[in-house]
Amino acid sequence: MAKKITKDMLIPDVLAVDPYISGILMGQGMHCISCFAASGETLEEAMYVHGFSAPDVDVMVADINDFLEQQEKYAAENDAEARKAAGVE
């Protein structure tokens, strides 16, 4: 089952799910994710501070969760290919 994030997760908790999420957030202008103040903010709060709207937050959460799902699929496919190449299956 794919890891999921929610808009009410604290920024450090979001980044703990997958460190590559930082690139997604920074790509949207949220360069403060390593800031001390961000450690106590939820993803939603941080996005509001940066001028994003409620629909923007929902889109960001969906995009990040799509990314996580793709990461999981990629890992599973590569694991299956590696087992097949090793003759384990």
PDB file of N, CA and C in Angstrom:
ATOM      1  N   MET A   1       0.850  -1.177   0.000  1.00  0.00           N
ATOM      2  CA  MET A   1       0.000   0.000   0.000  1.00  0.00           C
ATOM      3  C   MET A   1       0.891   1.234   0.000  1.00  0.00           C
ATOM      4  N   ALA A   2       0.574   2.182  -0.844  1.00  0.00           N
ATOM      5  CA  ALA A   2       1.379   3.387  -0.986  1.00  0.00           C
ATOM      6  C   ALA A   2       1.296   4.259   0.258  1.00  0.00           C
ATOM      7  N   LYS A   3       2.414   4.899   0.561  1.00  0.00           N
ATOM      8  CA  LYS A   3       2.437   5.870   1.641  1.00  0.00           C
ATOM      9  C   LYS A   3       1.585   7.054   1.201  1.00  0.00           C
ATOM     10  N   LYS A   4       0.960   7.710   2.146  1.00  0.00           N
ATOM     11  CA  LYS A   4       0.108   8.864   1.837  1.00  0.00           C
ATOM     12  C   LYS A   4       0.451  10.014   2.767  1.00  0.00           C
ATOM     13  N   ILE A   5       0.256  11.214   2.261  1.00  0.00           N
ATOM     14  CA  ILE A   5       0.368  12.391   3.101  1.00  0.00           C
ATOM     15  C   ILE A   5      -0.994  13.066   3.145  1.00  0.00           C
ATOM     16  N   THR A   6      -1.175  13.896   4.168  1.00  0.00           N
ATOM     17  CA  THR A   6      -2.400  14.683   4.295  1.00  0.00           C
ATOM     18  C   THR A   6      -2.013  16.127   4.536  1.00  0.00           C
ATOM     19  N   LYS A   7      -2.949  17.026   4.298  1.00  0.00           N
ATOM     20  CA  LYS A   7      -2.663  18.447   4.450  1.00  0.00           C
ATOM     21  C   LYS A   7      -2.465  18.856   5.899  1.00  0.00           C
ATOM     22  N   ASP A   8      -2.896  18.034   6.840  1.00  0.00           N
ATOM     23  CA  ASP A   8      -2.734  18.394   8.246  1.00  0.00           C
ATOM     24  C   ASP A   8      -1.509  17.749   8.892  1.00  0.00           C
ATOM     25  N   MET A   9      -0.630  17.160   8.073  1.00  0.00           N
ATOM     26  CA  MET A   9       0.634  16.631   8.583  1.00  0.00           C
ATOM     27  C   MET A   9       1.636  17.771   8.728  1.00  0.00           C
ATOM     28  N   LEU A  10       2.463  17.707   9.765  1.00  0.00           N
ATOM     29  CA  LEU A  10       3.529  18.688   9.935  1.00  0.00           C
ATOM     30  C   LEU A  10       4.556  18.519   8.821  1.00  0.00           C
ATOM     31  N   ILE A  11       5.177  19.617   8.427  1.00  0.00           N
ATOM     32  CA  ILE A  11       6.161  19.583   7.342  1.00  0.00           C
ATOM     33  C   ILE A  11       7.233  18.508   7.577  1.00  0.00           C
ATOM     34  N   PRO A  12       7.843  18.410   8.770  1.00  0.00           N
ATOM     35  CA  PRO A  12       8.845  17.350   8.956  1.00  0.00           C
ATOM     36  C   PRO A  12       8.275  15.946   8.756  1.00  0.00           C
ATOM     37  N   ASP A  13       7.011  15.749   9.122  1.00  0.00           N
ATOM     38  CA  ASP A  13       6.385  14.441   8.939  1.00  0.00           C
ATOM     39  C   ASP A  13       6.137  14.151   7.459  1.00  0.00           C
ATOM     40  N   VAL A  14       5.783  15.183   6.705  1.00  0.00           N
ATOM     41  CA  VAL A  14       5.606  15.023   5.257  1.00  0.00           C
ATOM     42  C   VAL A  14       6.938  14.621   4.630  1.00  0.00           C
ATOM     43  N   LEU A  15       7.998  15.329   4.996  1.00  0.00           N
ATOM     44  CA  LEU A  15       9.316  15.042   4.423  1.00  0.00           C
ATOM     45  C   LEU A  15       9.852  13.682   4.866  1.00  0.00           C
ATOM     46  N   ALA A  16       9.439  13.226   6.040  1.00  0.00           N
ATOM     47  CA  ALA A  16       9.875  11.914   6.518  1.00  0.00           C
ATOM     48  C   ALA A  16       9.277  10.779   5.695  1.00  0.00           C
ATOM     49  N   VAL A  17       8.139  11.015   5.073  1.00  0.00           N
ATOM     50  CA  VAL A  17       7.519   9.987   4.230  1.00  0.00           C
ATOM     51  C   VAL A  17       8.428   9.680   3.049  1.00  0.00           C
ATOM     52  N   ASP A  18       8.967  10.725   2.428  1.00  0.00           N
ATOM     53  CA  ASP A  18       9.903  10.559   1.315  1.00  0.00           C
ATOM     54  C   ASP A  18      10.666  11.870   1.157  1.00  0.00           C
ATOM     55  N   PRO A  19      11.984  11.836   1.271  1.00  0.00           N
ATOM     56  CA  PRO A  19      12.747  13.080   1.185  1.00  0.00           C
ATOM     57  C   PRO A  19      12.634  13.787  -0.158  1.00  0.00           C
ATOM     58  N   TYR A  20      12.256  13.076  -1.210  1.00  0.00           N
ATOM     59  CA  TYR A  20      12.118  13.702  -2.517  1.00  0.00           C
ATOM     60  C   TYR A  20      10.918  14.647  -2.593  1.00  0.00           C
ATOM     61  N   ILE A  21      10.036  14.579  -1.614  1.00  0.00           N
ATOM     62  CA  ILE A  21       8.914  15.513  -1.560  1.00  0.00           C
ATOM     63  C   ILE A  21       9.440  16.939  -1.433  1.00  0.00           C
ATOM     64  N   SER A  22      10.609  17.093  -0.835  1.00  0.00           N
ATOM     65  CA  SER A  22      11.187  18.431  -0.690  1.00  0.00           C
ATOM     66  C   SER A  22      11.360  19.097  -2.047  1.00  0.00           C
ATOM     67  N   GLY A  23      11.745  18.340  -3.055  1.00  0.00           N
ATOM     68  CA  GLY A  23      11.898  18.898  -4.400  1.00  0.00           C
ATOM     69  C   GLY A  23      10.587  19.375  -4.985  1.00  0.00           C
ATOM     70  N   ILE A  24       9.517  18.654  -4.703  1.00  0.00           N
ATOM     71  CA  ILE A  24       8.191  19.059  -5.179  1.00  0.00           C
ATOM     72  C   ILE A  24       7.799  20.370  -4.520  1.00  0.00           C
ATOM     73  N   LEU A  25       7.962  20.456  -3.203  1.00  0.00           N
ATOM     74  CA  LEU A  25       7.586  21.666  -2.478  1.00  0.00           C
ATOM     75  C   LEU A  25       8.451  22.854  -2.893  1.00  0.00           C
ATOM     76  N   MET A  26       9.755  22.629  -2.990  1.00  0.00           N
ATOM     77  CA  MET A  26      10.647  23.712  -3.385  1.00  0.00           C
ATOM     78  C   MET A  26      10.378  24.161  -4.815  1.00  0.00           C
ATOM     79  N   GLY A  27       9.983  23.230  -5.657  1.00  0.00           N
ATOM     80  CA  GLY A  27       9.643  23.574  -7.028  1.00  0.00           C
ATOM     81  C   GLY A  27       8.419  24.480  -7.127  1.00  0.00           C
ATOM     82  N   GLN A  28       7.633  24.504  -6.072  1.00  0.00           N
ATOM     83  CA  GLN A  28       6.449  25.369  -6.022  1.00  0.00           C
ATOM     84  C   GLN A  28       6.713  26.637  -5.205  1.00  0.00           C
ATOM     85  N   GLY A  29       7.986  26.907  -4.906  1.00  0.00           N
ATOM     86  CA  GLY A  29       8.353  28.130  -4.209  1.00  0.00           C
ATOM     87  C   GLY A  29       8.374  28.033  -2.699  1.00  0.00           C
ATOM     88  N   MET A  30       8.211  26.842  -2.175  1.00  0.00           N
ATOM     89  CA  MET A  30       8.203  26.667  -0.722  1.00  0.00           C
ATOM     90  C   MET A  30       9.620  26.307  -0.256  1.00  0.00           C
ATOM     91  N   HIS A  31      10.505  27.288  -0.309  1.00  0.00           N
ATOM     92  CA  HIS A  31      11.906  27.070   0.034  1.00  0.00           C
ATOM     93  C   HIS A  31      12.145  27.079   1.536  1.00  0.00           C
ATOM     94  N   CYS A  32      11.125  27.321   2.301  1.00  0.00           N
ATOM     95  CA  CYS A  32      11.261  27.432   3.747  1.00  0.00           C
ATOM     96  C   CYS A  32      11.118  26.090   4.455  1.00  0.00           C
ATOM     97  N   ILE A  33      11.035  25.007   3.745  1.00  0.00           N
ATOM     98  CA  ILE A  33      10.724  23.724   4.385  1.00  0.00           C
ATOM     99  C   ILE A  33      11.761  23.292   5.404  1.00  0.00           C
ATOM    100  N   SER A  34      12.966  23.820   5.310  1.00  0.00           N
ATOM    101  CA  SER A  34      13.980  23.476   6.302  1.00  0.00           C
ATOM    102  C   SER A  34      14.059  24.521   7.415  1.00  0.00           C
ATOM    103  N   CYS A  35      13.236  25.544   7.327  1.00  0.00           N
ATOM    104  CA  CYS A  35      13.211  26.614   8.321  1.00  0.00           C
ATOM    105  C   CYS A  35      12.661  26.094   9.646  1.00  0.00           C
ATOM    106  N   PHE A  36      13.192  26.615  10.738  1.00  0.00           N
ATOM    107  CA  PHE A  36      12.733  26.199  12.068  1.00  0.00           C
ATOM    108  C   PHE A  36      11.231  26.413  12.219  1.00  0.00           C
ATOM    109  N   ALA A  37      10.708  27.523  11.722  1.00  0.00           N
ATOM    110  CA  ALA A  37       9.277  27.812  11.859  1.00  0.00           C
ATOM    111  C   ALA A  37       8.427  26.778  11.137  1.00  0.00           C
ATOM    112  N   ALA A  38       8.921  26.263  10.036  1.00  0.00           N
ATOM    113  CA  ALA A  38       8.159  25.278   9.259  1.00  0.00           C
ATOM    114  C   ALA A  38       7.996  23.967  10.013  1.00  0.00           C
ATOM    115  N   SER A  39       8.871  23.705  10.972  1.00  0.00           N
ATOM    116  CA  SER A  39       8.793  22.437  11.686  1.00  0.00           C
ATOM    117  C   SER A  39       7.517  22.324  12.517  1.00  0.00           C
ATOM    118  N   GLY A  40       6.890  23.452  12.836  1.00  0.00           N
ATOM    119  CA  GLY A  40       5.649  23.419  13.603  1.00  0.00           C
ATOM    120  C   GLY A  40       4.418  23.693  12.776  1.00  0.00           C
ATOM    121  N   GLU A  41       4.587  23.795  11.462  1.00  0.00           N
ATOM    122  CA  GLU A  41       3.458  24.082  10.581  1.00  0.00           C
ATOM    123  C   GLU A  41       3.001  22.826   9.846  1.00  0.00           C
ATOM    124  N   THR A  42       1.711  22.772   9.612  1.00  0.00           N
ATOM    125  CA  THR A  42       1.197  21.714   8.752  1.00  0.00           C
ATOM    126  C   THR A  42       1.465  22.101   7.312  1.00  0.00           C
ATOM    127  N   LEU A  43       1.336  21.150   6.421  1.00  0.00           N
ATOM    128  CA  LEU A  43       1.496  21.443   5.000  1.00  0.00           C
ATOM    129  C   LEU A  43       0.508  22.522   4.588  1.00  0.00           C
ATOM    130  N   GLU A  44      -0.726  22.405   5.038  1.00  0.00           N
ATOM    131  CA  GLU A  44      -1.755  23.386   4.698  1.00  0.00           C
ATOM    132  C   GLU A  44      -1.377  24.779   5.203  1.00  0.00           C
ATOM    133  N   GLU A  45      -0.955  24.883   6.444  1.00  0.00           N
ATOM    134  CA  GLU A  45      -0.578  26.184   7.008  1.00  0.00           C
ATOM    135  C   GLU A  45       0.586  26.801   6.239  1.00  0.00           C
ATOM    136  N   ALA A  46       1.593  25.995   5.949  1.00  0.00           N
ATOM    137  CA  ALA A  46       2.756  26.493   5.215  1.00  0.00           C
ATOM    138  C   ALA A  46       2.365  26.983   3.832  1.00  0.00           C
ATOM    139  N   MET A  47       1.455  26.268   3.193  1.00  0.00           N
ATOM    140  CA  MET A  47       1.024  26.690   1.862  1.00  0.00           C
ATOM    141  C   MET A  47       0.226  27.992   1.925  1.00  0.00           C
ATOM    142  N   TYR A  48      -0.610  28.141   2.933  1.00  0.00           N
ATOM    143  CA  TYR A  48      -1.360  29.389   3.088  1.00  0.00           C
ATOM    144  C   TYR A  48      -0.413  30.566   3.300  1.00  0.00           C
ATOM    145  N   VAL A  49       0.629  30.366   4.102  1.00  0.00           N
ATOM    146  CA  VAL A  49       1.614  31.421   4.351  1.00  0.00           C
ATOM    147  C   VAL A  49       2.276  31.851   3.044  1.00  0.00           C
ATOM    148  N   HIS A  50       2.412  30.913   2.123  1.00  0.00           N
ATOM    149  CA  HIS A  50       3.050  31.210   0.840  1.00  0.00           C
ATOM    150  C   HIS A  50       2.048  31.626  -0.240  1.00  0.00           C
ATOM    151  N   GLY A  51       0.829  31.928   0.161  1.00  0.00           N
ATOM    152  CA  GLY A  51      -0.146  32.480  -0.775  1.00  0.00           C
ATOM    153  C   GLY A  51      -0.966  31.471  -1.554  1.00  0.00           C
ATOM    154  N   PHE A  52      -0.881  30.213  -1.199  1.00  0.00           N
ATOM    155  CA  PHE A  52      -1.679  29.202  -1.886  1.00  0.00           C
ATOM    156  C   PHE A  52      -3.100  29.204  -1.329  1.00  0.00           C
ATOM    157  N   SER A  53      -4.052  28.804  -2.141  1.00  0.00           N
ATOM    158  CA  SER A  53      -5.455  28.725  -1.735  1.00  0.00           C
ATOM    159  C   SER A  53      -5.805  27.296  -1.319  1.00  0.00           C
ATOM    160  N   ALA A  54      -6.998  27.134  -0.773  1.00  0.00           N
ATOM    161  CA  ALA A  54      -7.460  25.799  -0.368  1.00  0.00           C
ATOM    162  C   ALA A  54      -7.444  24.816  -1.543  1.00  0.00           C
ATOM    163  N   PRO A  55      -7.943  25.202  -2.725  1.00  0.00           N
ATOM    164  CA  PRO A  55      -7.858  24.265  -3.854  1.00  0.00           C
ATOM    165  C   PRO A  55      -6.413  23.928  -4.229  1.00  0.00           C
ATOM    166  N   ASP A  56      -5.502  24.905  -4.079  1.00  0.00           N
ATOM    167  CA  ASP A  56      -4.084  24.638  -4.358  1.00  0.00           C
ATOM    168  C   ASP A  56      -3.542  23.570  -3.416  1.00  0.00           C
ATOM    169  N   VAL A  57      -3.951  23.651  -2.157  1.00  0.00           N
ATOM    170  CA  VAL A  57      -3.501  22.676  -1.159  1.00  0.00           C
ATOM    171  C   VAL A  57      -3.970  21.285  -1.562  1.00  0.00           C
ATOM    172  N   ASP A  58      -5.226  21.176  -1.952  1.00  0.00           N
ATOM    173  CA  ASP A  58      -5.767  19.876  -2.360  1.00  0.00           C
ATOM    174  C   ASP A  58      -5.035  19.314  -3.570  1.00  0.00           C
ATOM    175  N   VAL A  59      -4.706  20.180  -4.520  1.00  0.00           N
ATOM    176  CA  VAL A  59      -3.967  19.736  -5.708  1.00  0.00           C
ATOM    177  C   VAL A  59      -2.568  19.280  -5.316  1.00  0.00           C
ATOM    178  N   MET A  60      -1.910  20.030  -4.431  1.00  0.00           N
ATOM    179  CA  MET A  60      -0.560  19.659  -3.998  1.00  0.00           C
ATOM    180  C   MET A  60      -0.568  18.310  -3.294  1.00  0.00           C
ATOM    181  N   VAL A  61      -1.522  18.099  -2.404  1.00  0.00           N
ATOM    182  CA  VAL A  61      -1.619  16.828  -1.691  1.00  0.00           C
ATOM    183  C   VAL A  61      -1.839  15.687  -2.690  1.00  0.00           C
ATOM    184  N   ALA A  62      -2.728  15.901  -3.643  1.00  0.00           N
ATOM    185  CA  ALA A  62      -2.984  14.865  -4.659  1.00  0.00           C
ATOM    186  C   ALA A  62      -1.739  14.601  -5.495  1.00  0.00           C
ATOM    187  N   ASP A  63      -1.041  15.655  -5.888  1.00  0.00           N
ATOM    188  CA  ASP A  63       0.176  15.489  -6.690  1.00  0.00           C
ATOM    189  C   ASP A  63       1.249  14.731  -5.925  1.00  0.00           C
ATOM    190  N   ILE A  64       1.429  15.067  -4.648  1.00  0.00           N
ATOM    191  CA  ILE A  64       2.437  14.379  -3.845  1.00  0.00           C
ATOM    192  C   ILE A  64       2.051  12.914  -3.670  1.00  0.00           C
ATOM    193  N   ASN A  65       0.782  12.650  -3.416  1.00  0.00           N
ATOM    194  CA  ASN A  65       0.350  11.257  -3.262  1.00  0.00           C
ATOM    195  C   ASN A  65       0.473  10.489  -4.561  1.00  0.00           C
ATOM    196  N   ASP A  66       0.242  11.132  -5.702  1.00  0.00           N
ATOM    197  CA  ASP A  66       0.479  10.480  -6.999  1.00  0.00           C
ATOM    198  C   ASP A  66       1.958  10.143  -7.154  1.00  0.00           C
ATOM    199  N   PHE A  67       2.817  11.071  -6.772  1.00  0.00           N
ATOM    200  CA  PHE A  67       4.260  10.848  -6.822  1.00  0.00           C
ATOM    201  C   PHE A  67       4.645   9.635  -5.964  1.00  0.00           C
ATOM    202  N   LEU A  68       4.112   9.583  -4.750  1.00  0.00           N
ATOM    203  CA  LEU A  68       4.423   8.467  -3.851  1.00  0.00           C
ATOM    204  C   LEU A  68       3.949   7.137  -4.423  1.00  0.00           C
ATOM    205  N   GLU A  69       2.778   7.157  -5.034  1.00  0.00           N
ATOM    206  CA  GLU A  69       2.259   5.935  -5.644  1.00  0.00           C
ATOM    207  C   GLU A  69       3.145   5.487  -6.804  1.00  0.00           C
ATOM    208  N   GLN A  70       3.601   6.433  -7.614  1.00  0.00           N
ATOM    209  CA  GLN A  70       4.488   6.102  -8.729  1.00  0.00           C
ATOM    210  C   GLN A  70       5.822   5.564  -8.220  1.00  0.00           C
ATOM    211  N   GLN A  71       6.333   6.159  -7.139  1.00  0.00           N
ATOM    212  CA  GLN A  71       7.579   5.675  -6.542  1.00  0.00           C
ATOM    213  C   GLN A  71       7.428   4.217  -6.104  1.00  0.00           C
ATOM    214  N   GLU A  72       6.302   3.919  -5.468  1.00  0.00           N
ATOM    215  CA  GLU A  72       6.061   2.555  -4.988  1.00  0.00           C
ATOM    216  C   GLU A  72       5.936   1.573  -6.160  1.00  0.00           C
ATOM    217  N   LYS A  73       5.229   1.966  -7.208  1.00  0.00           N
ATOM    218  CA  LYS A  73       5.093   1.097  -8.388  1.00  0.00           C
ATOM    219  C   LYS A  73       6.447   0.844  -9.029  1.00  0.00           C
ATOM    220  N   TYR A  74       7.241   1.895  -9.150  1.00  0.00           N
ATOM    221  CA  TYR A  74       8.569   1.773  -9.751  1.00  0.00           C
ATOM    222  C   TYR A  74       9.436   0.809  -8.947  1.00  0.00           C
ATOM    223  N   ALA A  75       9.403   0.960  -7.625  1.00  0.00           N
ATOM    224  CA  ALA A  75      10.189   0.076  -6.760  1.00  0.00           C
ATOM    225  C   ALA A  75       9.723  -1.369  -6.893  1.00  0.00           C
ATOM    226  N   ALA A  76       8.419  -1.590  -6.937  1.00  0.00           N
ATOM    227  CA  ALA A  76       7.885  -2.944  -7.051  1.00  0.00           C
ATOM    228  C   ALA A  76       8.262  -3.572  -8.390  1.00  0.00           C
ATOM    229  N   GLU A  77       8.175  -2.798  -9.462  1.00  0.00           N
ATOM    230  CA  GLU A  77       8.527  -3.314 -10.787  1.00  0.00           C
ATOM    231  C   GLU A  77      10.008  -3.661 -10.856  1.00  0.00           C
ATOM    232  N   ASN A  78      10.843  -2.796 -10.297  1.00  0.00           N
ATOM    233  CA  ASN A  78      12.275  -3.071 -10.321  1.00  0.00           C
ATOM    234  C   ASN A  78      12.630  -4.254  -9.442  1.00  0.00           C
ATOM    235  N   ASP A  79      11.941  -4.414  -8.328  1.00  0.00           N
ATOM    236  CA  ASP A  79      12.171  -5.558  -7.452  1.00  0.00           C
ATOM    237  C   ASP A  79      11.788  -6.848  -8.170  1.00  0.00           C
ATOM    238  N   ALA A  80      10.658  -6.824  -8.858  1.00  0.00           N
ATOM    239  CA  ALA A  80      10.219  -8.013  -9.593  1.00  0.00           C
ATOM    240  C   ALA A  80      11.212  -8.349 -10.705  1.00  0.00           C
ATOM    241  N   GLU A  81      11.704  -7.332 -11.410  1.00  0.00           N
ATOM    242  CA  GLU A  81      12.680  -7.557 -12.478  1.00  0.00           C
ATOM    243  C   GLU A  81      13.985  -8.114 -11.910  1.00  0.00           C
ATOM    244  N   ALA A  82      14.400  -7.606 -10.772  1.00  0.00           N
ATOM    245  CA  ALA A  82      15.639  -8.084 -10.156  1.00  0.00           C
ATOM    246  C   ALA A  82      15.501  -9.534  -9.720  1.00  0.00           C
ATOM    247  N   ARG A  83      14.350  -9.893  -9.142  1.00  0.00           N
ATOM    248  CA  ARG A  83      14.130 -11.289  -8.730  1.00  0.00           C
ATOM    249  C   ARG A  83      14.125 -12.199  -9.954  1.00  0.00           C
ATOM    250  N   LYS A  84      13.481 -11.736 -11.021  1.00  0.00           N
ATOM    251  CA  LYS A  84      13.420 -12.535 -12.242  1.00  0.00           C
ATOM    252  C   LYS A  84      14.812 -12.729 -12.834  1.00  0.00           C
ATOM    253  N   ALA A  85      15.605 -11.659 -12.875  1.00  0.00           N
ATOM    254  CA  ALA A  85      16.957 -11.751 -13.420  1.00  0.00           C
ATOM    255  C   ALA A  85      17.846 -12.654 -12.565  1.00  0.00           C
ATOM    256  N   ALA A  86      17.587 -12.695 -11.267  1.00  0.00           N
ATOM    257  CA  ALA A  86      18.374 -13.535 -10.372  1.00  0.00           C
ATOM    258  C   ALA A  86      17.863 -14.966 -10.353  1.00  0.00           C
ATOM    259  N   GLY A  87      16.770 -15.233 -11.053  1.00  0.00           N
ATOM    260  CA  GLY A  87      16.208 -16.568 -11.091  1.00  0.00           C
ATOM    261  C   GLY A  87      15.514 -16.977  -9.811  1.00  0.00           C
ATOM    262  N   VAL A  88      15.098 -16.000  -9.038  1.00  0.00           N
ATOM    263  CA  VAL A  88      14.437 -16.272  -7.752  1.00  0.00           C
ATOM    264  C   VAL A  88      12.978 -16.637  -7.960  1.00  0.00           C
ATOM    265  N   GLU A  89      12.380 -16.156  -8.997  1.00  0.00           N
ATOM    266  CA  GLU A  89      10.954 -16.425  -9.214  1.00  0.00           C
ATOM    267  C   GLU A  89      10.739 -17.679 -10.006  1.00  0.00           C
TER     268      GLU A  89
END
